[in-house]
Amino acid sequence: MNCVDEKVAKETNEILQKFTNDKDNLISILNEIQEKFGYIPKTSQLEISKYLKIPMAEIFGVITFYSRFSLEPKGKYNISVCLGTACFVKGSQAIFDRLKERLHLEEGQTSADGMYSIDTTRCVGACGIAPVFTVNNEVYGHATVKKLDEVLDELEKLEK
């Protein structure tokens, strides 16, 4: 195990100690790991498997079932466009297409510099202000391609 993996294992075990080793704690544990690291590292999955005495495949299944969890590190700015029905009929696909074009990324990818990651979601519960996109869980309603470009311009300015 390398130094990074050892650090992840140590920090994961600190989180695990907050919980009993009851299998019902899996989602709560995964939530804390996701918050800590921004994704669920393989080392964390191994530690969870040992602690809860459940197979890695079961942990992987839960991680991949819930869109909240990620197996890959996210960018500093995690941008998600809602493609749920209300947003889609109001033009969210065009917003997502512009996002991909502007950042040269595909769904689920993170930029090489670690600044941006992009995803889609099916609903953020903001149908009344559709279409919407989020940046690090901040919701931008009544979204347009122009509004997306303005938000991206602001993020770029913050980084200069």
N, C-alpha and C. Protein backbone atom coordinates (compact mmCIF):
# COMPACT_ATOMS: atom_id res chain seq x y z
N MET A 1 0.85 -1.18 0.00
CA MET A 1 0.00 0.00 0.00
C MET A 1 0.90 1.24 0.00
N ASN A 2 0.64 2.18 -0.91
CA ASN A 2 1.46 3.39 -0.96
C ASN A 2 1.00 4.40 0.09
N CYS A 3 1.72 5.50 0.19
CA CYS A 3 1.44 6.51 1.22
C CYS A 3 0.04 7.10 1.08
N VAL A 4 -0.37 7.36 -0.15
CA VAL A 4 -1.70 7.93 -0.38
C VAL A 4 -2.77 6.95 0.08
N ASP A 5 -2.63 5.66 -0.31
CA ASP A 5 -3.59 4.65 0.10
C ASP A 5 -3.63 4.49 1.62
N GLU A 6 -2.47 4.56 2.25
CA GLU A 6 -2.41 4.45 3.71
C GLU A 6 -3.15 5.60 4.38
N LYS A 7 -2.99 6.80 3.83
CA LYS A 7 -3.68 7.98 4.37
C LYS A 7 -5.19 7.84 4.19
N VAL A 8 -5.61 7.40 3.01
CA VAL A 8 -7.04 7.20 2.74
C VAL A 8 -7.60 6.13 3.68
N ALA A 9 -6.87 5.04 3.87
CA ALA A 9 -7.31 3.96 4.76
C ALA A 9 -7.46 4.49 6.19
N LYS A 10 -6.49 5.27 6.64
CA LYS A 10 -6.54 5.81 8.00
C LYS A 10 -7.75 6.73 8.17
N GLU A 11 -7.95 7.64 7.22
CA GLU A 11 -9.06 8.58 7.31
C GLU A 11 -10.40 7.86 7.17
N THR A 12 -10.44 6.82 6.34
CA THR A 12 -11.67 6.03 6.21
C THR A 12 -11.98 5.34 7.53
N ASN A 13 -10.98 4.77 8.15
CA ASN A 13 -11.20 4.07 9.42
C ASN A 13 -11.64 5.02 10.53
N GLU A 14 -11.19 6.26 10.47
CA GLU A 14 -11.66 7.26 11.44
C GLU A 14 -13.16 7.49 11.25
N ILE A 15 -13.60 7.53 10.00
CA ILE A 15 -15.04 7.69 9.72
C ILE A 15 -15.80 6.45 10.17
N LEU A 16 -15.26 5.29 9.86
CA LEU A 16 -15.94 4.03 10.22
C LEU A 16 -16.18 3.91 11.72
N GLN A 17 -15.27 4.44 12.51
CA GLN A 17 -15.40 4.33 13.97
C GLN A 17 -16.61 5.09 14.51
N LYS A 18 -17.18 5.97 13.72
CA LYS A 18 -18.39 6.70 14.13
C LYS A 18 -19.63 5.82 14.05
N PHE A 19 -19.50 4.68 13.37
CA PHE A 19 -20.64 3.82 13.09
C PHE A 19 -20.44 2.42 13.67
N THR A 20 -21.54 1.78 14.01
CA THR A 20 -21.45 0.36 14.36
C THR A 20 -21.21 -0.40 13.07
N ASN A 21 -20.78 -1.65 13.18
CA ASN A 21 -20.49 -2.41 11.95
C ASN A 21 -21.73 -3.11 11.41
N ASP A 22 -22.87 -2.44 11.55
CA ASP A 22 -24.15 -2.92 11.01
C ASP A 22 -24.23 -2.53 9.53
N LYS A 23 -24.56 -3.49 8.71
CA LYS A 23 -24.66 -3.29 7.26
C LYS A 23 -25.60 -2.13 6.89
N ASP A 24 -26.59 -1.87 7.74
CA ASP A 24 -27.55 -0.79 7.48
C ASP A 24 -26.88 0.59 7.48
N ASN A 25 -25.67 0.69 7.96
CA ASN A 25 -24.95 1.97 7.99
C ASN A 25 -24.21 2.27 6.68
N LEU A 26 -24.28 1.38 5.71
CA LEU A 26 -23.50 1.53 4.49
C LEU A 26 -23.71 2.88 3.81
N ILE A 27 -24.94 3.28 3.58
CA ILE A 27 -25.19 4.53 2.85
C ILE A 27 -24.69 5.73 3.66
N SER A 28 -24.90 5.72 4.96
CA SER A 28 -24.41 6.82 5.80
C SER A 28 -22.88 6.90 5.73
N ILE A 29 -22.24 5.76 5.77
CA ILE A 29 -20.78 5.71 5.67
C ILE A 29 -20.32 6.24 4.31
N LEU A 30 -20.97 5.76 3.25
CA LEU A 30 -20.61 6.22 1.90
C LEU A 30 -20.80 7.73 1.77
N ASN A 31 -21.86 8.25 2.38
CA ASN A 31 -22.08 9.71 2.35
C ASN A 31 -20.91 10.45 2.97
N GLU A 32 -20.46 9.99 4.12
CA GLU A 32 -19.33 10.66 4.80
C GLU A 32 -18.04 10.54 4.00
N ILE A 33 -17.82 9.37 3.41
CA ILE A 33 -16.61 9.17 2.58
C ILE A 33 -16.66 10.10 1.37
N GLN A 34 -17.84 10.17 0.72
CA GLN A 34 -18.02 11.05 -0.44
C GLN A 34 -17.74 12.50 -0.05
N GLU A 35 -18.26 12.92 1.11
CA GLU A 35 -18.03 14.29 1.58
C GLU A 35 -16.54 14.54 1.83
N LYS A 36 -15.89 13.58 2.44
CA LYS A 36 -14.47 13.73 2.81
C LYS A 36 -13.56 13.82 1.59
N PHE A 37 -13.73 12.89 0.65
CA PHE A 37 -12.79 12.78 -0.47
C PHE A 37 -13.33 13.34 -1.79
N GLY A 38 -14.64 13.57 -1.88
CA GLY A 38 -15.23 14.03 -3.14
C GLY A 38 -15.57 12.87 -4.07
N TYR A 39 -15.27 11.66 -3.65
CA TYR A 39 -15.60 10.43 -4.37
C TYR A 39 -15.36 9.28 -3.40
N ILE A 40 -15.61 8.05 -3.84
CA ILE A 40 -15.40 6.88 -2.98
C ILE A 40 -14.17 6.14 -3.49
N PRO A 41 -13.00 6.37 -2.89
CA PRO A 41 -11.78 5.69 -3.34
C PRO A 41 -11.87 4.17 -3.15
N LYS A 42 -11.15 3.44 -3.99
CA LYS A 42 -11.13 1.98 -3.89
C LYS A 42 -10.62 1.53 -2.51
N THR A 43 -9.64 2.22 -1.99
CA THR A 43 -9.12 1.90 -0.66
C THR A 43 -10.22 2.01 0.39
N SER A 44 -11.06 3.04 0.27
CA SER A 44 -12.18 3.19 1.21
C SER A 44 -13.16 2.04 1.06
N GLN A 45 -13.42 1.64 -0.17
CA GLN A 45 -14.33 0.52 -0.40
C GLN A 45 -13.81 -0.75 0.27
N LEU A 46 -12.51 -0.98 0.17
CA LEU A 46 -11.90 -2.16 0.80
C LEU A 46 -12.06 -2.10 2.32
N GLU A 47 -11.82 -0.93 2.90
CA GLU A 47 -11.94 -0.77 4.35
C GLU A 47 -13.38 -0.96 4.80
N ILE A 48 -14.32 -0.42 4.03
CA ILE A 48 -15.75 -0.59 4.36
C ILE A 48 -16.13 -2.07 4.29
N SER A 49 -15.65 -2.75 3.25
CA SER A 49 -15.94 -4.17 3.07
C SER A 49 -15.49 -4.97 4.28
N LYS A 50 -14.28 -4.69 4.76
CA LYS A 50 -13.75 -5.40 5.93
C LYS A 50 -14.56 -5.06 7.18
N TYR A 51 -14.87 -3.79 7.36
CA TYR A 51 -15.53 -3.33 8.57
C TYR A 51 -16.97 -3.86 8.67
N LEU A 52 -17.71 -3.79 7.55
CA LEU A 52 -19.11 -4.22 7.57
C LEU A 52 -19.28 -5.70 7.22
N LYS A 53 -18.16 -6.32 6.83
CA LYS A 53 -18.18 -7.74 6.44
C LYS A 53 -19.18 -8.00 5.31
N ILE A 54 -19.08 -7.15 4.28
CA ILE A 54 -19.90 -7.33 3.08
C ILE A 54 -18.99 -7.32 1.86
N PRO A 55 -19.40 -7.99 0.79
CA PRO A 55 -18.55 -8.07 -0.40
C PRO A 55 -18.37 -6.72 -1.09
N MET A 56 -17.21 -6.56 -1.70
CA MET A 56 -16.91 -5.35 -2.49
C MET A 56 -17.98 -5.14 -3.57
N ALA A 57 -18.47 -6.23 -4.16
CA ALA A 57 -19.47 -6.11 -5.23
C ALA A 57 -20.74 -5.43 -4.72
N GLU A 58 -21.11 -5.71 -3.49
CA GLU A 58 -22.30 -5.08 -2.92
C GLU A 58 -22.08 -3.58 -2.73
N ILE A 59 -20.91 -3.23 -2.25
CA ILE A 59 -20.57 -1.81 -2.07
C ILE A 59 -20.55 -1.10 -3.42
N PHE A 60 -19.92 -1.73 -4.40
CA PHE A 60 -19.86 -1.16 -5.75
C PHE A 60 -21.28 -0.97 -6.30
N GLY A 61 -22.14 -1.95 -6.07
CA GLY A 61 -23.53 -1.86 -6.55
C GLY A 61 -24.26 -0.67 -5.97
N VAL A 62 -24.07 -0.41 -4.69
CA VAL A 62 -24.71 0.73 -4.05
C VAL A 62 -24.14 2.04 -4.60
N ILE A 63 -22.82 2.10 -4.72
CA ILE A 63 -22.18 3.32 -5.23
C ILE A 63 -22.67 3.65 -6.63
N THR A 64 -22.77 2.65 -7.49
CA THR A 64 -23.16 2.91 -8.88
C THR A 64 -24.66 3.09 -9.04
N PHE A 65 -25.44 2.64 -8.06
CA PHE A 65 -26.90 2.82 -8.13
C PHE A 65 -27.29 4.26 -7.85
N TYR A 66 -26.66 4.86 -6.86
CA TYR A 66 -27.02 6.23 -6.46
C TYR A 66 -26.12 7.23 -7.17
N SER A 67 -26.76 8.17 -7.87
CA SER A 67 -25.99 9.15 -8.64
C SER A 67 -25.20 10.11 -7.74
N ARG A 68 -25.54 10.18 -6.49
CA ARG A 68 -24.82 11.06 -5.55
C ARG A 68 -23.37 10.61 -5.36
N PHE A 69 -23.15 9.32 -5.48
CA PHE A 69 -21.82 8.76 -5.26
C PHE A 69 -21.02 8.70 -6.55
N SER A 70 -19.72 8.84 -6.41
CA SER A 70 -18.83 8.81 -7.57
C SER A 70 -17.63 7.91 -7.28
N LEU A 71 -17.18 7.21 -8.31
CA LEU A 71 -15.98 6.38 -8.20
C LEU A 71 -14.74 7.14 -8.64
N GLU A 72 -14.93 8.32 -9.19
CA GLU A 72 -13.82 9.13 -9.68
C GLU A 72 -13.84 10.49 -8.99
N PRO A 73 -12.67 11.07 -8.78
CA PRO A 73 -12.63 12.41 -8.18
C PRO A 73 -13.37 13.42 -9.05
N LYS A 74 -14.08 14.32 -8.40
CA LYS A 74 -14.78 15.38 -9.11
C LYS A 74 -13.90 16.62 -9.17
N GLY A 75 -14.25 17.50 -10.08
CA GLY A 75 -13.51 18.75 -10.20
C GLY A 75 -13.86 19.71 -9.08
N LYS A 76 -13.09 20.77 -9.00
CA LYS A 76 -13.37 21.83 -8.02
C LYS A 76 -14.78 22.36 -8.22
N TYR A 77 -15.18 22.46 -9.49
CA TYR A 77 -16.53 22.89 -9.83
C TYR A 77 -17.24 21.71 -10.48
N ASN A 78 -18.18 21.15 -9.75
CA ASN A 78 -18.95 20.02 -10.25
C ASN A 78 -20.26 20.57 -10.82
N ILE A 79 -20.39 20.50 -12.13
CA ILE A 79 -21.54 21.10 -12.81
C ILE A 79 -22.45 19.98 -13.32
N SER A 80 -23.72 20.11 -12.99
CA SER A 80 -24.70 19.10 -13.39
C SER A 80 -25.90 19.79 -14.03
N VAL A 81 -26.35 19.24 -15.14
CA VAL A 81 -27.51 19.77 -15.84
C VAL A 81 -28.66 18.78 -15.68
N CYS A 82 -29.81 19.28 -15.27
CA CYS A 82 -30.97 18.42 -15.11
C CYS A 82 -31.57 18.12 -16.49
N LEU A 83 -31.74 16.82 -16.76
CA LEU A 83 -32.40 16.39 -17.99
C LEU A 83 -33.73 15.69 -17.67
N GLY A 84 -34.28 15.97 -16.48
CA GLY A 84 -35.60 15.45 -16.14
C GLY A 84 -36.64 16.05 -17.08
N THR A 85 -37.83 15.52 -17.05
CA THR A 85 -38.87 15.90 -18.02
C THR A 85 -39.11 17.40 -18.08
N ALA A 86 -39.36 18.03 -16.93
CA ALA A 86 -39.67 19.47 -16.93
C ALA A 86 -38.53 20.29 -17.52
N CYS A 87 -37.31 19.95 -17.13
CA CYS A 87 -36.14 20.69 -17.64
C CYS A 87 -35.90 20.38 -19.11
N PHE A 88 -36.03 19.11 -19.47
CA PHE A 88 -35.75 18.69 -20.84
C PHE A 88 -36.69 19.40 -21.82
N VAL A 89 -37.98 19.45 -21.51
CA VAL A 89 -38.92 20.09 -22.44
C VAL A 89 -38.71 21.60 -22.53
N LYS A 90 -37.99 22.16 -21.54
CA LYS A 90 -37.70 23.59 -21.57
C LYS A 90 -36.29 23.90 -22.07
N GLY A 91 -35.61 22.88 -22.63
CA GLY A 91 -34.36 23.16 -23.32
C GLY A 91 -33.07 22.81 -22.62
N SER A 92 -33.12 21.97 -21.60
CA SER A 92 -31.88 21.68 -20.87
C SER A 92 -30.86 20.90 -21.70
N GLN A 93 -31.30 20.17 -22.71
CA GLN A 93 -30.33 19.44 -23.55
C GLN A 93 -29.38 20.41 -24.25
N ALA A 94 -29.91 21.53 -24.72
CA ALA A 94 -29.05 22.54 -25.37
C ALA A 94 -28.04 23.11 -24.38
N ILE A 95 -28.45 23.26 -23.13
CA ILE A 95 -27.53 23.76 -22.09
C ILE A 95 -26.42 22.74 -21.87
N PHE A 96 -26.81 21.46 -21.77
CA PHE A 96 -25.79 20.43 -21.56
C PHE A 96 -24.85 20.32 -22.76
N ASP A 97 -25.40 20.42 -23.95
CA ASP A 97 -24.56 20.36 -25.16
C ASP A 97 -23.55 21.51 -25.16
N ARG A 98 -23.98 22.69 -24.75
CA ARG A 98 -23.06 23.84 -24.67
C ARG A 98 -22.00 23.61 -23.60
N LEU A 99 -22.38 23.04 -22.48
CA LEU A 99 -21.43 22.75 -21.41
C LEU A 99 -20.34 21.81 -21.91
N LYS A 100 -20.73 20.76 -22.60
CA LYS A 100 -19.76 19.80 -23.15
C LYS A 100 -18.84 20.48 -24.16
N GLU A 101 -19.42 21.31 -25.00
CA GLU A 101 -18.64 22.01 -26.03
C GLU A 101 -17.65 22.99 -25.39
N ARG A 102 -18.14 23.74 -24.45
CA ARG A 102 -17.32 24.79 -23.82
C ARG A 102 -16.15 24.20 -23.02
N LEU A 103 -16.41 23.11 -22.30
CA LEU A 103 -15.36 22.54 -21.45
C LEU A 103 -14.62 21.37 -22.09
N HIS A 104 -15.05 20.98 -23.29
CA HIS A 104 -14.42 19.86 -24.01
C HIS A 104 -14.42 18.59 -23.16
N LEU A 105 -15.58 18.32 -22.56
CA LEU A 105 -15.74 17.13 -21.71
C LEU A 105 -17.01 16.40 -22.11
N GLU A 106 -17.05 15.13 -21.75
CA GLU A 106 -18.26 14.33 -21.91
C GLU A 106 -18.84 14.07 -20.52
N GLU A 107 -20.08 13.61 -20.48
CA GLU A 107 -20.74 13.32 -19.22
C GLU A 107 -19.88 12.39 -18.36
N GLY A 108 -19.74 12.77 -17.09
CA GLY A 108 -18.99 11.95 -16.15
C GLY A 108 -17.49 12.23 -16.14
N GLN A 109 -17.03 13.13 -17.00
CA GLN A 109 -15.60 13.40 -17.07
C GLN A 109 -15.21 14.59 -16.20
N THR A 110 -13.94 14.60 -15.84
CA THR A 110 -13.33 15.70 -15.10
C THR A 110 -12.19 16.25 -15.94
N SER A 111 -12.06 17.56 -15.98
CA SER A 111 -11.00 18.18 -16.77
C SER A 111 -9.63 17.78 -16.23
N ALA A 112 -8.65 17.76 -17.12
CA ALA A 112 -7.30 17.33 -16.76
C ALA A 112 -6.71 18.17 -15.64
N ASP A 113 -7.10 19.45 -15.56
CA ASP A 113 -6.58 20.32 -14.51
C ASP A 113 -7.34 20.18 -13.19
N GLY A 114 -8.37 19.32 -13.19
CA GLY A 114 -9.14 19.09 -11.98
C GLY A 114 -10.10 20.21 -11.61
N MET A 115 -10.32 21.14 -12.52
CA MET A 115 -11.19 22.28 -12.22
C MET A 115 -12.68 21.97 -12.39
N TYR A 116 -13.02 21.21 -13.44
CA TYR A 116 -14.43 21.00 -13.76
C TYR A 116 -14.76 19.52 -13.93
N SER A 117 -15.94 19.15 -13.49
CA SER A 117 -16.50 17.86 -13.86
C SER A 117 -17.95 18.13 -14.24
N ILE A 118 -18.45 17.32 -15.18
CA ILE A 118 -19.81 17.54 -15.65
C ILE A 118 -20.60 16.24 -15.60
N ASP A 119 -21.88 16.40 -15.29
CA ASP A 119 -22.81 15.29 -15.21
C ASP A 119 -24.19 15.76 -15.58
N THR A 120 -25.08 14.79 -15.71
CA THR A 120 -26.49 15.10 -15.83
C THR A 120 -27.19 14.48 -14.63
N THR A 121 -28.37 14.98 -14.37
CA THR A 121 -29.21 14.41 -13.33
C THR A 121 -30.62 14.33 -13.89
N ARG A 122 -31.45 13.56 -13.26
CA ARG A 122 -32.82 13.41 -13.74
C ARG A 122 -33.78 14.36 -13.05
N CYS A 123 -33.48 14.82 -11.87
CA CYS A 123 -34.34 15.79 -11.20
C CYS A 123 -33.63 16.34 -9.97
N VAL A 124 -33.67 17.64 -9.81
CA VAL A 124 -33.13 18.25 -8.59
C VAL A 124 -34.25 18.81 -7.73
N GLY A 125 -35.50 18.56 -8.15
CA GLY A 125 -36.65 19.02 -7.37
C GLY A 125 -36.93 20.50 -7.53
N ALA A 126 -36.50 21.06 -8.64
CA ALA A 126 -36.72 22.50 -8.87
C ALA A 126 -37.49 22.70 -10.18
N CYS A 127 -38.48 21.85 -10.41
CA CYS A 127 -39.22 21.87 -11.68
C CYS A 127 -39.91 23.21 -11.95
N GLY A 128 -40.26 23.91 -10.89
CA GLY A 128 -40.93 25.20 -11.05
C GLY A 128 -40.05 26.28 -11.65
N ILE A 129 -38.73 26.07 -11.63
CA ILE A 129 -37.82 27.06 -12.21
C ILE A 129 -37.00 26.44 -13.35
N ALA A 130 -37.57 25.40 -13.95
CA ALA A 130 -36.90 24.68 -15.05
C ALA A 130 -36.68 25.60 -16.23
N PRO A 131 -35.60 25.32 -16.98
CA PRO A 131 -34.57 24.31 -16.76
C PRO A 131 -33.54 24.78 -15.74
N VAL A 132 -32.86 23.81 -15.11
CA VAL A 132 -31.88 24.15 -14.10
C VAL A 132 -30.56 23.43 -14.34
N PHE A 133 -29.49 24.05 -13.84
CA PHE A 133 -28.20 23.38 -13.71
C PHE A 133 -27.65 23.76 -12.35
N THR A 134 -26.72 22.95 -11.87
CA THR A 134 -26.13 23.24 -10.57
C THR A 134 -24.61 23.33 -10.71
N VAL A 135 -24.04 24.13 -9.85
CA VAL A 135 -22.59 24.20 -9.70
C VAL A 135 -22.33 23.97 -8.21
N ASN A 136 -21.69 22.83 -7.90
CA ASN A 136 -21.45 22.47 -6.50
C ASN A 136 -22.73 22.59 -5.67
N ASN A 137 -23.81 22.08 -6.22
CA ASN A 137 -25.13 22.03 -5.56
C ASN A 137 -25.84 23.37 -5.45
N GLU A 138 -25.25 24.44 -5.99
CA GLU A 138 -25.99 25.71 -6.06
C GLU A 138 -26.84 25.66 -7.33
N VAL A 139 -28.15 25.87 -7.17
CA VAL A 139 -29.09 25.73 -8.28
C VAL A 139 -29.22 27.04 -9.05
N TYR A 140 -29.13 26.94 -10.37
CA TYR A 140 -29.36 28.08 -11.27
C TYR A 140 -30.62 27.76 -12.06
N GLY A 141 -31.69 28.50 -11.77
CA GLY A 141 -32.97 28.25 -12.40
C GLY A 141 -33.22 29.14 -13.60
N HIS A 142 -34.29 28.81 -14.34
CA HIS A 142 -34.64 29.51 -15.58
C HIS A 142 -33.39 29.65 -16.46
N ALA A 143 -32.65 28.56 -16.52
CA ALA A 143 -31.34 28.57 -17.18
C ALA A 143 -31.46 28.67 -18.70
N THR A 144 -30.42 29.26 -19.25
CA THR A 144 -30.28 29.36 -20.70
C THR A 144 -28.82 29.08 -21.03
N VAL A 145 -28.54 28.90 -22.30
CA VAL A 145 -27.15 28.73 -22.72
C VAL A 145 -26.36 29.98 -22.34
N LYS A 146 -26.98 31.15 -22.52
CA LYS A 146 -26.31 32.42 -22.18
C LYS A 146 -25.98 32.47 -20.69
N LYS A 147 -26.92 32.06 -19.85
CA LYS A 147 -26.69 32.07 -18.40
C LYS A 147 -25.56 31.11 -18.03
N LEU A 148 -25.53 29.93 -18.67
CA LEU A 148 -24.44 28.98 -18.43
C LEU A 148 -23.11 29.62 -18.77
N ASP A 149 -23.03 30.26 -19.94
CA ASP A 149 -21.78 30.92 -20.34
C ASP A 149 -21.37 31.99 -19.34
N GLU A 150 -22.34 32.76 -18.83
CA GLU A 150 -22.03 33.81 -17.85
C GLU A 150 -21.47 33.20 -16.56
N VAL A 151 -22.07 32.10 -16.10
CA VAL A 151 -21.60 31.44 -14.88
C VAL A 151 -20.19 30.89 -15.10
N LEU A 152 -19.96 30.25 -16.24
CA LEU A 152 -18.63 29.72 -16.54
C LEU A 152 -17.59 30.84 -16.64
N ASP A 153 -17.98 31.97 -17.23
CA ASP A 153 -17.07 33.12 -17.30
C ASP A 153 -16.69 33.59 -15.90
N GLU A 154 -17.67 33.63 -14.99
CA GLU A 154 -17.41 34.05 -13.61
C GLU A 154 -16.47 33.07 -12.90
N LEU A 155 -16.69 31.77 -13.12
CA LEU A 155 -15.81 30.77 -12.50
C LEU A 155 -14.38 30.92 -13.01
N GLU A 156 -14.24 31.17 -14.30
CA GLU A 156 -12.90 31.36 -14.88
C GLU A 156 -12.22 32.59 -14.27
N LYS A 157 -12.99 33.67 -14.06
CA LYS A 157 -12.42 34.88 -13.46
C LYS A 157 -11.93 34.59 -12.03
N LEU A 158 -12.69 33.79 -11.29
CA LEU A 158 -12.31 33.44 -9.91
C LEU A 158 -10.97 32.72 -9.86
N GLU A 159 -10.65 32.01 -10.93
CA GLU A 159 -9.45 31.19 -10.94
C GLU A 159 -8.22 31.93 -11.46
N LYS A 160 -8.40 33.17 -11.93
CA LYS A 160 -7.26 33.93 -12.46
C LYS A 160 -6.57 34.72 -11.39
